[in-house]
Amino acid sequence: MSEAASLPANTTLTKRDLFYTSHDGLTLYAADYGPIDSDTVILCMHGLTRNHKDFEPMIEGLGLKARFISVDVRGRGKSDRDPNGTTYQPPFYAQDMATLMAHLNLDKVILIGTSMGGLMAMLMAKAFPEKIRGIVMNDVGPEVNPAGLKRIAGYAGGNEIFDSWGDAAAAIGKTQAGVYPDYGADDWMAFARRTCVEQADGKIVFDYDPVIVKGMGSTTPGWRVNFAMWRVFAAMKSIPLLIIRGEWSDILAKKTANRMLRRHKNSALLTVPNRGHTPFLDEPHSLDAIRDFIRSLGSA
């Protein structure tokens, strides 16, 4: 096929469980959707405190006859937690993605990375650019706004325990209201169901290891870090890039997004209205841009 075709209307995507072993012996998980023999394989990588379920609304909304592999990064969801908590850092996450690709014998993939997942995509493009057909970076860049990092550090890594799903949804709505101002009660409940898990005792907790926040590093990256990340970004110049930014993002500044656009000659920028950090990628603007971008890449 020359491009990713559309699925028939009202098609229910098949979801398959994938488990693989990391270089240091952890059992890691990914969800595998769509036709397994598709020429178009899209690897979806979530943000710091999220998991593979974040991408299910996007996958359904795109309606493409493509294979989507959405991961639980180590320490999240169904993936093992690091018993020492020392490997919760993007270089280790990127190494896990290379292991997953080798496990599945994937020669080329399209990357969609949200926030932390976008940083992973940058590192992967630096390490093995020949395996990357294109990249969608969702609300992140080589330079991260310290204000946004401080905000995320303020709520990530907590040990909140909720008595009910309603309590969990209300708490999430309180912290994320500025990101998704048009969300209602049903949206926050769906958000909670994707982000949290019910324990054996019926209590609701966030579905990640609280230790992950230690891998964030400084919330005020110095010039050396920024310089190094711009060097990594420069190495992506041969790979088509779609940059997505929330209109009110406190992580990806407007000037940084525009600088990325100027420096990468094969890139495009979408600003999603009425969104902070991060767009959920199920917005009509996001779906249209991602669908067009994937189709522009043609077959593998």
Protein backbone atom coordinates (compact mmCIF):
# COMPACT_ATOMS: atom_id res chain seq x y z
CA MET A 1 0.00 0.00 0.00
CA SER A 2 1.22 3.53 -0.75
CA GLU A 3 -0.10 5.05 2.44
CA ALA A 4 -2.04 4.15 5.57
CA ALA A 5 -5.60 3.46 4.42
CA SER A 6 -8.69 4.23 6.48
CA LEU A 7 -10.56 1.60 8.43
CA PRO A 8 -14.23 0.97 7.66
CA ALA A 9 -16.61 3.00 9.81
CA ASN A 10 -17.42 1.62 13.27
CA THR A 11 -14.46 -0.76 13.18
CA THR A 12 -13.34 -2.00 16.60
CA LEU A 13 -9.58 -2.26 16.80
CA THR A 14 -8.09 -5.49 18.04
CA LYS A 15 -5.86 -5.09 21.08
CA ARG A 16 -3.11 -7.60 21.78
CA ASP A 17 -0.90 -7.80 24.87
CA LEU A 18 2.86 -7.74 24.32
CA PHE A 19 5.43 -8.60 26.97
CA TYR A 20 9.18 -8.43 26.47
CA THR A 21 12.31 -8.43 28.63
CA SER A 22 14.57 -5.42 29.05
CA HIS A 23 18.37 -5.57 29.04
CA ASP A 24 18.33 -5.52 32.86
CA GLY A 25 15.70 -8.22 33.28
CA LEU A 26 12.45 -6.27 33.73
CA THR A 27 9.28 -7.56 32.11
CA LEU A 28 7.83 -4.69 30.12
CA TYR A 29 4.43 -4.28 28.46
CA ALA A 30 3.03 -2.79 25.30
CA ALA A 31 -0.43 -2.87 23.74
CA ASP A 32 -0.58 -3.79 20.06
CA TYR A 33 -3.52 -2.51 17.99
CA GLY A 34 -4.62 -2.88 14.40
CA PRO A 35 -3.50 -5.17 11.59
CA ILE A 36 -0.26 -6.89 12.51
CA ASP A 37 0.84 -7.06 8.87
CA SER A 38 0.43 -3.34 8.13
CA ASP A 39 3.26 -1.55 6.31
CA THR A 40 2.77 1.37 8.69
CA VAL A 41 3.89 0.78 12.29
CA ILE A 42 3.45 3.59 14.81
CA LEU A 43 5.16 3.44 18.21
CA CYS A 44 3.37 5.57 20.82
CA MET A 45 5.24 6.74 23.94
CA HIS A 46 3.46 8.47 26.82
CA GLY A 47 4.35 11.20 29.29
CA LEU A 48 5.89 10.98 32.75
CA THR A 49 2.94 9.74 34.84
CA ARG A 50 0.83 8.13 32.13
CA ASN A 51 0.62 4.79 30.32
CA HIS A 52 -0.38 3.12 27.04
CA LYS A 53 -4.08 3.89 27.51
CA ASP A 54 -3.44 7.58 26.84
CA PHE A 55 -3.29 6.86 23.12
CA GLU A 56 -6.45 4.79 22.75
CA PRO A 57 -8.72 7.79 21.96
CA MET A 58 -6.20 8.99 19.36
CA ILE A 59 -5.87 5.55 17.75
CA GLU A 60 -9.63 5.19 17.51
CA GLY A 61 -10.05 8.74 16.23
CA LEU A 62 -7.43 8.40 13.49
CA GLY A 63 -9.25 5.45 11.96
CA LEU A 64 -6.17 4.31 10.03
CA LYS A 65 -5.40 0.81 8.84
CA ALA A 66 -2.06 0.89 10.60
CA ARG A 67 -0.38 -1.02 13.41
CA PHE A 68 -0.11 0.99 16.64
CA ILE A 69 2.14 -0.17 19.47
CA SER A 70 1.53 1.81 22.65
CA VAL A 71 3.94 1.18 25.50
CA ASP A 72 3.93 1.18 29.27
CA VAL A 73 7.36 2.62 30.04
CA ARG A 74 9.12 0.86 32.91
CA GLY A 75 7.52 1.75 36.23
CA ARG A 76 4.11 2.41 34.68
CA GLY A 77 1.00 0.34 34.08
CA LYS A 78 1.65 -3.33 33.43
CA SER A 79 5.42 -2.93 33.15
CA ASP A 80 7.70 -3.94 36.01
CA ARG A 81 8.97 -1.33 38.40
CA ASP A 82 12.69 -0.82 38.82
CA PRO A 83 13.46 -2.21 42.31
CA ASN A 84 16.30 0.30 42.71
CA GLY A 85 14.54 3.25 41.08
CA THR A 86 17.75 4.31 39.34
CA THR A 87 16.76 3.75 35.71
CA TYR A 88 13.77 6.05 35.51
CA GLN A 89 15.46 8.27 32.93
CA PRO A 90 14.90 8.84 29.19
CA PRO A 91 18.14 7.11 28.04
CA PHE A 92 16.99 3.87 29.69
CA TYR A 93 13.48 4.28 28.32
CA ALA A 94 14.88 4.76 24.81
CA GLN A 95 17.00 1.65 25.24
CA ASP A 96 13.86 -0.27 26.17
CA MET A 97 12.20 0.92 22.95
CA ALA A 98 15.15 -0.38 20.94
CA THR A 99 14.74 -3.73 22.72
CA LEU A 100 11.03 -3.76 21.89
CA MET A 101 11.69 -3.00 18.23
CA ALA A 102 14.25 -5.80 18.06
CA HIS A 103 11.83 -8.16 19.82
CA LEU A 104 9.19 -7.45 17.16
CA ASN A 105 11.68 -7.35 14.25
CA LEU A 106 10.59 -3.83 13.32
CA ASP A 107 12.82 -2.27 10.68
CA LYS A 108 11.13 1.14 10.54
CA VAL A 109 8.59 2.91 12.72
CA ILE A 110 6.83 6.24 13.07
CA LEU A 111 7.19 7.69 16.57
CA ILE A 112 4.52 9.61 18.46
CA GLY A 113 5.89 10.90 21.74
CA THR A 114 4.00 12.94 24.32
CA SER A 115 6.13 15.07 26.64
CA MET A 116 8.66 12.60 28.09
CA GLY A 117 7.86 10.33 25.15
CA GLY A 118 8.96 13.11 22.81
CA LEU A 119 12.33 13.30 24.56
CA MET A 120 12.61 9.54 24.10
CA ALA A 121 11.90 10.02 20.39
CA MET A 122 14.73 12.54 20.12
CA LEU A 123 17.19 10.11 21.72
CA MET A 124 16.02 7.26 19.49
CA ALA A 125 16.41 9.42 16.38
CA LYS A 126 19.95 10.24 17.46
CA ALA A 127 20.82 6.59 18.16
CA PHE A 128 19.25 4.91 15.09
CA PRO A 129 17.83 7.47 12.61
CA GLU A 130 17.65 4.87 9.84
CA LYS A 131 14.83 3.10 11.72
CA ILE A 132 12.63 6.19 12.13
CA ARG A 133 10.28 7.18 9.30
CA GLY A 134 8.84 10.23 11.01
CA ILE A 135 8.25 11.76 14.43
CA VAL A 136 5.31 13.49 16.11
CA MET A 137 6.50 15.43 19.16
CA ASN A 138 3.59 16.35 21.41
CA ASP A 139 4.20 19.49 23.48
CA VAL A 140 7.89 19.08 24.18
CA GLY A 141 11.18 20.20 22.68
CA PRO A 142 14.91 20.36 23.30
CA GLU A 143 14.37 23.25 25.72
CA VAL A 144 11.80 22.77 28.49
CA ASN A 145 10.17 25.63 30.38
CA PRO A 146 11.21 25.40 34.09
CA ALA A 147 7.78 26.67 35.20
CA GLY A 148 6.11 23.64 33.70
CA LEU A 149 8.64 21.25 35.21
CA LYS A 150 8.01 22.71 38.63
CA ARG A 151 4.26 22.31 38.18
CA ILE A 152 4.61 18.66 37.17
CA ALA A 153 7.02 17.94 40.02
CA GLY A 154 4.42 19.37 42.37
CA TYR A 155 1.85 16.65 41.64
CA ALA A 156 3.92 13.75 40.25
CA GLY A 157 5.31 11.11 42.56
CA GLY A 158 2.55 11.38 45.11
CA ASN A 159 1.12 8.45 47.02
CA GLU A 160 -2.51 9.54 46.92
CA ILE A 161 -5.05 6.88 47.77
CA PHE A 162 -8.68 7.49 46.81
CA ASP A 163 -11.73 5.83 48.30
CA SER A 164 -13.61 5.77 45.01
CA TRP A 165 -13.26 6.42 41.30
CA GLY A 166 -15.32 9.56 41.80
CA ASP A 167 -12.77 10.89 44.28
CA ALA A 168 -9.93 10.09 41.87
CA ALA A 169 -11.69 11.83 38.98
CA ALA A 170 -12.35 14.91 41.10
CA ALA A 171 -8.72 15.13 42.22
CA ILE A 172 -7.42 14.79 38.67
CA GLY A 173 -9.88 17.39 37.47
CA LYS A 174 -8.57 19.81 40.08
CA THR A 175 -4.94 19.48 38.97
CA GLN A 176 -5.61 19.32 35.22
CA ALA A 177 -8.45 21.82 34.81
CA GLY A 178 -6.14 24.41 33.26
CA VAL A 179 -4.98 21.93 30.63
CA TYR A 180 -8.42 20.74 29.54
CA PRO A 181 -10.82 23.58 30.43
CA ASP A 182 -13.69 22.11 28.41
CA TYR A 183 -13.71 18.74 30.22
CA GLY A 184 -16.78 17.70 32.18
CA ALA A 185 -17.46 15.03 34.77
CA ASP A 186 -17.53 12.19 32.23
CA ASP A 187 -14.21 13.29 30.75
CA TRP A 188 -12.52 13.37 34.14
CA MET A 189 -13.86 9.92 34.95
CA ALA A 190 -12.48 8.55 31.67
CA PHE A 191 -9.18 10.29 32.46
CA ALA A 192 -9.08 8.64 35.88
CA ARG A 193 -9.85 5.21 34.44
CA ARG A 194 -6.89 5.57 32.07
CA THR A 195 -4.49 6.95 34.68
CA CYS A 196 -5.35 5.04 37.86
CA VAL A 197 -5.84 1.44 38.94
CA GLU A 198 -8.02 -0.24 41.55
CA GLN A 199 -6.21 -2.18 44.26
CA ALA A 200 -7.38 -5.46 45.80
CA ASP A 201 -8.83 -3.53 48.74
CA GLY A 202 -10.95 -1.38 46.42
CA LYS A 203 -8.84 1.75 46.87
CA ILE A 204 -7.81 3.74 43.80
CA VAL A 205 -4.18 4.76 43.20
CA PHE A 206 -2.18 6.23 40.33
CA ASP A 207 -0.84 3.52 38.04
CA TYR A 208 2.87 4.33 38.30
CA ASP A 209 5.79 3.98 40.67
CA PRO A 210 6.00 7.19 42.76
CA VAL A 211 9.80 6.96 42.50
CA ILE A 212 9.68 8.00 38.82
CA VAL A 213 9.74 11.67 39.76
CA LYS A 214 13.33 11.26 40.97
CA GLY A 215 14.40 10.68 37.37
CA MET A 216 13.15 14.10 36.30
CA GLY A 217 16.41 15.75 37.26
CA SER A 218 16.56 19.47 37.89
CA THR A 219 13.45 21.56 37.29
CA THR A 220 15.75 24.37 36.13
CA PRO A 221 17.97 22.83 33.41
CA GLY A 222 21.16 24.79 32.83
CA TRP A 223 22.56 26.03 29.54
CA ARG A 224 24.74 22.95 29.13
CA VAL A 225 21.70 20.66 29.18
CA ASN A 226 19.81 22.91 26.76
CA PHE A 227 22.83 23.10 24.45
CA ALA A 228 23.20 19.32 24.44
CA MET A 229 19.51 18.78 23.70
CA TRP A 230 19.58 21.23 20.79
CA ARG A 231 22.50 19.19 19.43
CA VAL A 232 20.35 16.06 19.70
CA PHE A 233 17.52 17.88 17.96
CA ALA A 234 19.87 18.88 15.12
CA ALA A 235 20.60 15.20 14.51
CA MET A 236 16.92 14.71 13.62
CA LYS A 237 17.10 16.95 10.55
CA SER A 238 16.76 14.09 8.07
CA ILE A 239 13.54 12.78 9.71
CA PRO A 240 10.15 14.37 8.92
CA LEU A 241 8.75 16.04 12.03
CA LEU A 242 5.34 17.21 13.21
CA ILE A 243 5.46 19.47 16.27
CA ILE A 244 2.26 19.76 18.29
CA ARG A 245 1.91 22.41 20.99
CA GLY A 246 -0.90 23.30 23.35
CA GLU A 247 -1.93 26.94 23.05
CA TRP A 248 -1.26 27.56 26.76
CA SER A 249 1.59 25.08 27.25
CA ASP A 250 3.90 25.81 30.16
CA ILE A 251 6.40 23.17 28.95
CA LEU A 252 6.93 24.01 25.28
CA ALA A 253 7.22 27.78 24.95
CA LYS A 254 5.97 29.38 21.75
CA LYS A 255 9.42 30.75 20.97
CA THR A 256 10.98 27.30 21.42
CA ALA A 257 8.42 25.71 19.08
CA ASN A 258 9.10 28.38 16.46
CA ARG A 259 12.83 27.88 16.84
CA MET A 260 12.36 24.13 16.26
CA LEU A 261 10.36 24.92 13.13
CA ARG A 262 13.09 27.21 11.78
CA ARG A 263 15.91 24.77 12.50
CA HIS A 264 14.21 21.68 11.08
CA LYS A 265 13.49 22.26 7.38
CA ASN A 266 11.19 19.24 7.07
CA SER A 267 8.88 20.09 9.94
CA ALA A 268 5.43 21.49 10.59
CA LEU A 269 3.88 23.06 13.68
CA LEU A 270 0.33 22.67 14.94
CA THR A 271 -0.88 24.80 17.85
CA VAL A 272 -3.93 23.16 19.45
CA PRO A 273 -6.38 25.77 20.77
CA ASN A 274 -7.81 25.61 24.28
CA ARG A 275 -5.12 23.20 25.53
CA GLY A 276 -2.20 23.41 27.92
CA HIS A 277 0.39 20.70 28.50
CA THR A 278 -0.40 18.37 26.85
CA PRO A 279 -2.93 18.10 24.02
CA PHE A 280 -4.56 14.69 24.35
CA LEU A 281 -4.25 14.13 20.58
CA ASP A 282 -7.93 13.26 20.21
CA GLU A 283 -8.81 16.88 19.37
CA PRO A 284 -10.06 17.32 15.77
CA HIS A 285 -7.10 19.58 14.92
CA SER A 286 -4.65 17.00 16.27
CA LEU A 287 -6.29 14.05 14.53
CA ASP A 288 -6.34 15.82 11.16
CA ALA A 289 -2.69 16.86 11.41
CA ILE A 290 -1.44 13.46 12.59
CA ARG A 291 -3.47 11.58 9.98
CA ASP A 292 -2.14 13.79 7.19
CA PHE A 293 1.42 13.51 8.50
CA ILE A 294 1.31 9.70 8.65
CA ARG A 295 -0.14 9.46 5.16
CA SER A 296 2.51 11.87 3.82
CA LEU A 297 5.22 9.40 4.82
CA GLY A 298 3.92 6.74 2.42
CA SER A 299 4.60 3.04 2.89
CA ALA A 300 7.60 1.58 4.69
